Amino acid sequence: VRLVESGGGLVPAGGFLRLSCAASGFTLDDYAIGWFRQAPGKEREGVAEITNRGVTNYGESVKGRFTISRDNAENTVYLQMTSLKPEDTGVYYCNAKHSSLSDGVMNFWGTGTLVTVSS
């Protein structure tokens, strides 16, 4: 069971990136997926989330600039980031969670991908 993030890199302010979160060993269909980030010296914060039904929610600092989407056929969730700012710099992690009476609580994290936005 793995979550693997990719797509990070170094971009200038105002640029864009698309992050991917690919799952292996399980299917994402029944999972809510969240993107989190952690800047140096700061706590991890939520960026965006998408439920198993496709309902999305965003952190205030990224509303209007980031878009989360899921492709269940590809077993992948994406985070499209535009108008990037230096304060968006950090390691971005994806999280998959699912809970039910039959399955219990399932919670997986990826190892992260680094996004650096230069000013």
N, C-alpha and C. Protein backbone atom coordinates (compact mmCIF):
# COMPACT_ATOMS: atom_id res chain seq x y z
N VAL A 1 0.86 -1.19 0.00
CA VAL A 1 0.00 0.00 0.00
C VAL A 1 0.89 1.24 0.00
N ARG A 2 0.74 2.05 -1.02
CA ARG A 2 1.59 3.24 -1.13
C ARG A 2 0.83 4.40 -1.73
N LEU A 3 1.23 5.60 -1.31
CA LEU A 3 0.85 6.83 -1.96
C LEU A 3 2.13 7.50 -2.40
N VAL A 4 2.21 7.88 -3.65
CA VAL A 4 3.43 8.50 -4.16
C VAL A 4 3.09 9.84 -4.80
N GLU A 5 3.67 10.89 -4.24
CA GLU A 5 3.48 12.22 -4.80
C GLU A 5 4.57 12.49 -5.84
N SER A 6 4.23 13.29 -6.82
CA SER A 6 5.21 13.73 -7.81
C SER A 6 4.78 15.06 -8.39
N GLY A 7 5.68 15.68 -9.12
CA GLY A 7 5.35 16.93 -9.79
C GLY A 7 5.91 18.17 -9.14
N GLY A 8 6.56 18.02 -8.01
CA GLY A 8 7.14 19.18 -7.36
C GLY A 8 8.34 19.70 -8.13
N GLY A 9 8.82 20.87 -7.74
CA GLY A 9 9.98 21.45 -8.40
C GLY A 9 10.17 22.89 -8.03
N LEU A 10 11.07 23.54 -8.76
CA LEU A 10 11.36 24.95 -8.54
C LEU A 10 10.69 25.78 -9.62
N VAL A 11 9.88 26.74 -9.21
CA VAL A 11 9.19 27.61 -10.17
C VAL A 11 9.28 29.05 -9.70
N PRO A 12 9.22 30.00 -10.62
CA PRO A 12 9.21 31.41 -10.21
C PRO A 12 7.82 31.79 -9.71
N ALA A 13 7.78 32.84 -8.93
CA ALA A 13 6.49 33.36 -8.47
C ALA A 13 5.61 33.67 -9.68
N GLY A 14 4.33 33.33 -9.55
CA GLY A 14 3.40 33.50 -10.65
C GLY A 14 3.30 32.28 -11.55
N GLY A 15 4.17 31.31 -11.34
CA GLY A 15 4.17 30.10 -12.15
C GLY A 15 3.14 29.09 -11.70
N PHE A 16 3.23 27.90 -12.29
CA PHE A 16 2.25 26.86 -11.98
C PHE A 16 2.94 25.50 -11.94
N LEU A 17 2.30 24.61 -11.23
CA LEU A 17 2.72 23.21 -11.15
C LEU A 17 1.48 22.34 -11.01
N ARG A 18 1.60 21.10 -11.42
CA ARG A 18 0.56 20.13 -11.15
C ARG A 18 1.18 18.96 -10.39
N LEU A 19 0.68 18.76 -9.20
CA LEU A 19 1.14 17.64 -8.38
C LEU A 19 0.22 16.44 -8.60
N SER A 20 0.82 15.27 -8.51
CA SER A 20 0.06 14.03 -8.63
C SER A 20 0.25 13.21 -7.37
N CYS A 21 -0.79 12.48 -7.02
CA CYS A 21 -0.75 11.55 -5.90
C CYS A 21 -1.29 10.23 -6.42
N ALA A 22 -0.41 9.28 -6.63
CA ALA A 22 -0.79 8.00 -7.20
C ALA A 22 -0.81 6.94 -6.11
N ALA A 23 -1.88 6.17 -6.12
CA ALA A 23 -2.03 5.10 -5.14
C ALA A 23 -1.70 3.75 -5.75
N SER A 24 -1.08 2.90 -4.97
CA SER A 24 -0.86 1.52 -5.39
C SER A 24 -1.16 0.61 -4.21
N GLY A 25 -1.69 -0.55 -4.51
CA GLY A 25 -2.03 -1.51 -3.47
C GLY A 25 -3.43 -1.33 -2.92
N PHE A 26 -4.09 -0.26 -3.33
CA PHE A 26 -5.48 -0.05 -2.94
C PHE A 26 -6.09 0.93 -3.93
N THR A 27 -7.40 0.99 -3.96
CA THR A 27 -8.07 1.92 -4.88
C THR A 27 -8.59 3.12 -4.10
N LEU A 28 -8.51 4.26 -4.73
CA LEU A 28 -8.86 5.52 -4.06
C LEU A 28 -10.36 5.82 -4.05
N ASP A 29 -11.13 5.02 -4.77
CA ASP A 29 -12.54 5.35 -4.98
C ASP A 29 -13.28 5.72 -3.70
N ASP A 30 -13.06 4.96 -2.64
CA ASP A 30 -13.83 5.17 -1.42
C ASP A 30 -13.12 6.06 -0.41
N TYR A 31 -12.03 6.68 -0.83
CA TYR A 31 -11.23 7.47 0.09
C TYR A 31 -11.42 8.97 -0.14
N ALA A 32 -11.40 9.70 0.96
CA ALA A 32 -11.25 11.15 0.87
C ALA A 32 -9.76 11.45 0.78
N ILE A 33 -9.39 12.36 -0.08
CA ILE A 33 -7.99 12.67 -0.31
C ILE A 33 -7.72 14.12 0.06
N GLY A 34 -6.65 14.31 0.79
CA GLY A 34 -6.27 15.67 1.16
C GLY A 34 -4.83 15.94 0.75
N TRP A 35 -4.59 17.18 0.38
CA TRP A 35 -3.23 17.66 0.16
C TRP A 35 -2.87 18.55 1.34
N PHE A 36 -1.70 18.32 1.89
CA PHE A 36 -1.18 19.11 3.00
C PHE A 36 0.21 19.61 2.62
N ARG A 37 0.65 20.63 3.29
CA ARG A 37 2.01 21.11 3.03
C ARG A 37 2.66 21.51 4.34
N GLN A 38 3.98 21.46 4.32
CA GLN A 38 4.74 21.86 5.49
C GLN A 38 5.93 22.69 5.04
N ALA A 39 5.92 23.94 5.45
CA ALA A 39 7.02 24.84 5.16
C ALA A 39 8.09 24.68 6.23
N PRO A 40 9.33 25.02 5.91
CA PRO A 40 10.41 24.91 6.91
C PRO A 40 10.07 25.66 8.19
N GLY A 41 10.18 24.97 9.30
CA GLY A 41 9.94 25.60 10.59
C GLY A 41 8.49 25.81 10.94
N LYS A 42 7.59 25.31 10.12
CA LYS A 42 6.16 25.50 10.38
C LYS A 42 5.46 24.16 10.49
N GLU A 43 4.28 24.20 11.04
CA GLU A 43 3.49 22.98 11.17
C GLU A 43 2.82 22.65 9.83
N ARG A 44 2.49 21.38 9.69
CA ARG A 44 1.79 20.95 8.49
C ARG A 44 0.40 21.57 8.45
N GLU A 45 -0.01 22.03 7.28
CA GLU A 45 -1.33 22.65 7.14
C GLU A 45 -2.09 22.02 5.98
N GLY A 46 -3.39 22.02 6.10
CA GLY A 46 -4.23 21.51 5.03
C GLY A 46 -4.33 22.49 3.88
N VAL A 47 -4.27 21.98 2.67
CA VAL A 47 -4.32 22.81 1.48
C VAL A 47 -5.64 22.62 0.74
N ALA A 48 -5.98 21.37 0.48
CA ALA A 48 -7.19 21.07 -0.27
C ALA A 48 -7.61 19.64 0.04
N GLU A 49 -8.90 19.39 -0.13
CA GLU A 49 -9.39 18.04 0.05
C GLU A 49 -10.51 17.77 -0.94
N ILE A 50 -10.68 16.49 -1.23
CA ILE A 50 -11.77 16.06 -2.11
C ILE A 50 -12.35 14.78 -1.54
N THR A 51 -13.65 14.74 -1.39
CA THR A 51 -14.29 13.56 -0.84
C THR A 51 -14.41 12.48 -1.90
N ASN A 52 -14.87 11.31 -1.45
CA ASN A 52 -15.04 10.22 -2.41
C ASN A 52 -16.15 10.54 -3.41
N ARG A 53 -16.99 11.52 -3.08
CA ARG A 53 -18.05 11.93 -3.99
C ARG A 53 -17.67 13.15 -4.82
N GLY A 54 -16.44 13.62 -4.65
CA GLY A 54 -15.99 14.72 -5.48
C GLY A 54 -16.23 16.11 -4.90
N VAL A 55 -16.67 16.20 -3.67
CA VAL A 55 -16.85 17.50 -3.04
C VAL A 55 -15.48 18.03 -2.62
N THR A 56 -15.22 19.28 -2.93
CA THR A 56 -13.90 19.86 -2.67
C THR A 56 -13.96 20.94 -1.61
N ASN A 57 -12.82 21.14 -0.97
CA ASN A 57 -12.69 22.19 0.03
C ASN A 57 -11.24 22.66 0.01
N TYR A 58 -11.04 23.97 0.23
CA TYR A 58 -9.70 24.55 0.09
C TYR A 58 -9.35 25.41 1.30
N GLY A 59 -8.06 25.46 1.58
CA GLY A 59 -7.60 26.40 2.58
C GLY A 59 -7.73 27.82 2.06
N GLU A 60 -7.93 28.76 2.98
CA GLU A 60 -8.18 30.14 2.58
C GLU A 60 -7.04 30.71 1.72
N SER A 61 -5.82 30.33 2.01
CA SER A 61 -4.68 30.93 1.32
C SER A 61 -4.52 30.45 -0.12
N VAL A 62 -5.24 29.39 -0.49
CA VAL A 62 -5.08 28.86 -1.85
C VAL A 62 -6.36 28.92 -2.67
N LYS A 63 -7.44 29.38 -2.06
CA LYS A 63 -8.71 29.46 -2.79
C LYS A 63 -8.56 30.32 -4.03
N GLY A 64 -9.09 29.82 -5.13
CA GLY A 64 -9.02 30.56 -6.38
C GLY A 64 -7.74 30.33 -7.16
N ARG A 65 -6.75 29.69 -6.52
CA ARG A 65 -5.47 29.45 -7.20
C ARG A 65 -5.19 27.96 -7.40
N PHE A 66 -5.64 27.14 -6.47
CA PHE A 66 -5.39 25.70 -6.54
C PHE A 66 -6.68 24.96 -6.86
N THR A 67 -6.55 23.86 -7.56
CA THR A 67 -7.70 23.01 -7.88
C THR A 67 -7.33 21.56 -7.63
N ILE A 68 -8.13 20.90 -6.83
CA ILE A 68 -7.92 19.48 -6.58
C ILE A 68 -8.90 18.69 -7.42
N SER A 69 -8.44 17.57 -7.95
CA SER A 69 -9.32 16.73 -8.76
C SER A 69 -8.88 15.29 -8.60
N ARG A 70 -9.76 14.38 -8.98
CA ARG A 70 -9.42 12.98 -8.86
C ARG A 70 -9.79 12.25 -10.14
N ASP A 71 -8.98 11.28 -10.48
CA ASP A 71 -9.24 10.42 -11.62
C ASP A 71 -9.23 8.99 -11.08
N ASN A 72 -10.39 8.49 -10.77
CA ASN A 72 -10.46 7.16 -10.17
C ASN A 72 -9.98 6.08 -11.13
N ALA A 73 -10.15 6.29 -12.42
CA ALA A 73 -9.68 5.30 -13.39
C ALA A 73 -8.16 5.19 -13.35
N GLU A 74 -7.49 6.32 -13.08
CA GLU A 74 -6.03 6.33 -12.99
C GLU A 74 -5.55 6.11 -11.55
N ASN A 75 -6.51 6.04 -10.62
CA ASN A 75 -6.17 5.87 -9.20
C ASN A 75 -5.22 6.97 -8.73
N THR A 76 -5.54 8.19 -9.17
CA THR A 76 -4.65 9.32 -8.93
C THR A 76 -5.46 10.56 -8.58
N VAL A 77 -4.91 11.37 -7.70
CA VAL A 77 -5.48 12.67 -7.37
C VAL A 77 -4.46 13.73 -7.76
N TYR A 78 -4.98 14.85 -8.25
CA TYR A 78 -4.11 15.92 -8.72
C TYR A 78 -4.34 17.20 -7.92
N LEU A 79 -3.31 18.01 -7.89
CA LEU A 79 -3.43 19.35 -7.34
C LEU A 79 -2.82 20.31 -8.35
N GLN A 80 -3.69 21.04 -9.03
CA GLN A 80 -3.24 22.04 -9.98
C GLN A 80 -3.02 23.34 -9.21
N MET A 81 -1.81 23.85 -9.30
CA MET A 81 -1.46 25.06 -8.55
C MET A 81 -1.07 26.15 -9.53
N THR A 82 -1.73 27.28 -9.45
CA THR A 82 -1.44 28.41 -10.32
C THR A 82 -1.14 29.64 -9.47
N SER A 83 -0.63 30.67 -10.14
CA SER A 83 -0.30 31.93 -9.46
C SER A 83 0.48 31.66 -8.17
N LEU A 84 1.48 30.85 -8.29
CA LEU A 84 2.23 30.44 -7.11
C LEU A 84 2.97 31.60 -6.47
N LYS A 85 3.04 31.55 -5.14
CA LYS A 85 3.69 32.59 -4.35
C LYS A 85 4.83 31.95 -3.55
N PRO A 86 5.81 32.74 -3.18
CA PRO A 86 6.90 32.18 -2.36
C PRO A 86 6.39 31.50 -1.09
N GLU A 87 5.30 32.00 -0.53
CA GLU A 87 4.77 31.38 0.69
C GLU A 87 4.11 30.03 0.43
N ASP A 88 3.99 29.63 -0.82
CA ASP A 88 3.50 28.29 -1.14
C ASP A 88 4.61 27.25 -1.05
N THR A 89 5.81 27.70 -0.83
CA THR A 89 6.95 26.78 -0.72
C THR A 89 6.78 25.82 0.43
N GLY A 90 7.11 24.56 0.19
CA GLY A 90 7.04 23.56 1.24
C GLY A 90 7.03 22.16 0.65
N VAL A 91 7.00 21.19 1.52
CA VAL A 91 6.83 19.80 1.09
C VAL A 91 5.33 19.51 1.09
N TYR A 92 4.86 19.02 -0.02
CA TYR A 92 3.43 18.72 -0.18
C TYR A 92 3.21 17.22 -0.04
N TYR A 93 2.26 16.89 0.81
CA TYR A 93 1.93 15.50 1.10
C TYR A 93 0.47 15.22 0.71
N CYS A 94 0.22 14.02 0.25
CA CYS A 94 -1.17 13.63 0.10
C CYS A 94 -1.53 12.60 1.16
N ASN A 95 -2.80 12.62 1.49
CA ASN A 95 -3.33 11.75 2.53
C ASN A 95 -4.62 11.12 2.02
N ALA A 96 -4.77 9.85 2.27
CA ALA A 96 -6.00 9.14 1.91
C ALA A 96 -6.61 8.58 3.17
N LYS A 97 -7.88 8.86 3.37
CA LYS A 97 -8.54 8.35 4.57
C LYS A 97 -9.92 7.81 4.25
N HIS A 98 -10.26 6.80 5.01
CA HIS A 98 -11.55 6.15 4.81
C HIS A 98 -11.95 5.54 6.13
N SER A 99 -13.20 5.65 6.47
CA SER A 99 -13.67 5.01 7.68
C SER A 99 -15.05 4.43 7.45
N SER A 100 -15.26 3.25 7.99
CA SER A 100 -16.56 2.61 7.92
C SER A 100 -16.63 1.58 9.03
N LEU A 101 -17.83 1.15 9.31
CA LEU A 101 -18.00 0.15 10.36
C LEU A 101 -17.32 -1.16 9.97
N SER A 102 -17.36 -1.48 8.69
CA SER A 102 -16.79 -2.76 8.25
C SER A 102 -15.28 -2.68 8.09
N ASP A 103 -14.76 -1.53 7.64
CA ASP A 103 -13.32 -1.42 7.35
C ASP A 103 -12.52 -0.79 8.49
N GLY A 104 -13.21 -0.15 9.42
CA GLY A 104 -12.48 0.59 10.44
C GLY A 104 -11.94 1.88 9.85
N VAL A 105 -10.86 2.38 10.41
CA VAL A 105 -10.26 3.63 9.95
C VAL A 105 -8.99 3.30 9.16
N MET A 106 -8.95 3.77 7.93
CA MET A 106 -7.79 3.59 7.06
C MET A 106 -7.22 4.97 6.78
N ASN A 107 -5.94 5.13 7.00
CA ASN A 107 -5.31 6.44 6.86
C ASN A 107 -3.89 6.25 6.33
N PHE A 108 -3.63 6.78 5.13
CA PHE A 108 -2.31 6.61 4.51
C PHE A 108 -1.73 7.97 4.13
N TRP A 109 -0.41 8.06 4.25
CA TRP A 109 0.33 9.27 3.85
C TRP A 109 1.39 8.93 2.83
N GLY A 110 1.61 9.85 1.91
CA GLY A 110 2.74 9.75 1.02
C GLY A 110 3.99 10.33 1.67
N THR A 111 5.10 10.28 0.95
CA THR A 111 6.37 10.76 1.50
C THR A 111 6.67 12.20 1.11
N GLY A 112 5.84 12.77 0.26
CA GLY A 112 5.96 14.19 -0.03
C GLY A 112 6.74 14.52 -1.28
N THR A 113 6.44 15.70 -1.82
CA THR A 113 7.18 16.25 -2.95
C THR A 113 7.44 17.72 -2.66
N LEU A 114 8.64 18.17 -2.95
CA LEU A 114 9.05 19.52 -2.59
C LEU A 114 8.67 20.53 -3.67
N VAL A 115 8.01 21.58 -3.23
CA VAL A 115 7.68 22.70 -4.11
C VAL A 115 8.44 23.93 -3.60
N THR A 116 9.19 24.55 -4.48
CA THR A 116 9.92 25.76 -4.14
C THR A 116 9.54 26.86 -5.11
N VAL A 117 9.04 27.95 -4.57
CA VAL A 117 8.63 29.10 -5.39
C VAL A 117 9.60 30.24 -5.12
N SER A 118 10.30 30.65 -6.14
CA SER A 118 11.29 31.72 -5.98
C SER A 118 10.63 33.08 -6.20
N SER A 119 11.14 34.06 -5.48
CA SER A 119 10.57 35.41 -5.60
C SER A 119 11.26 36.21 -6.68
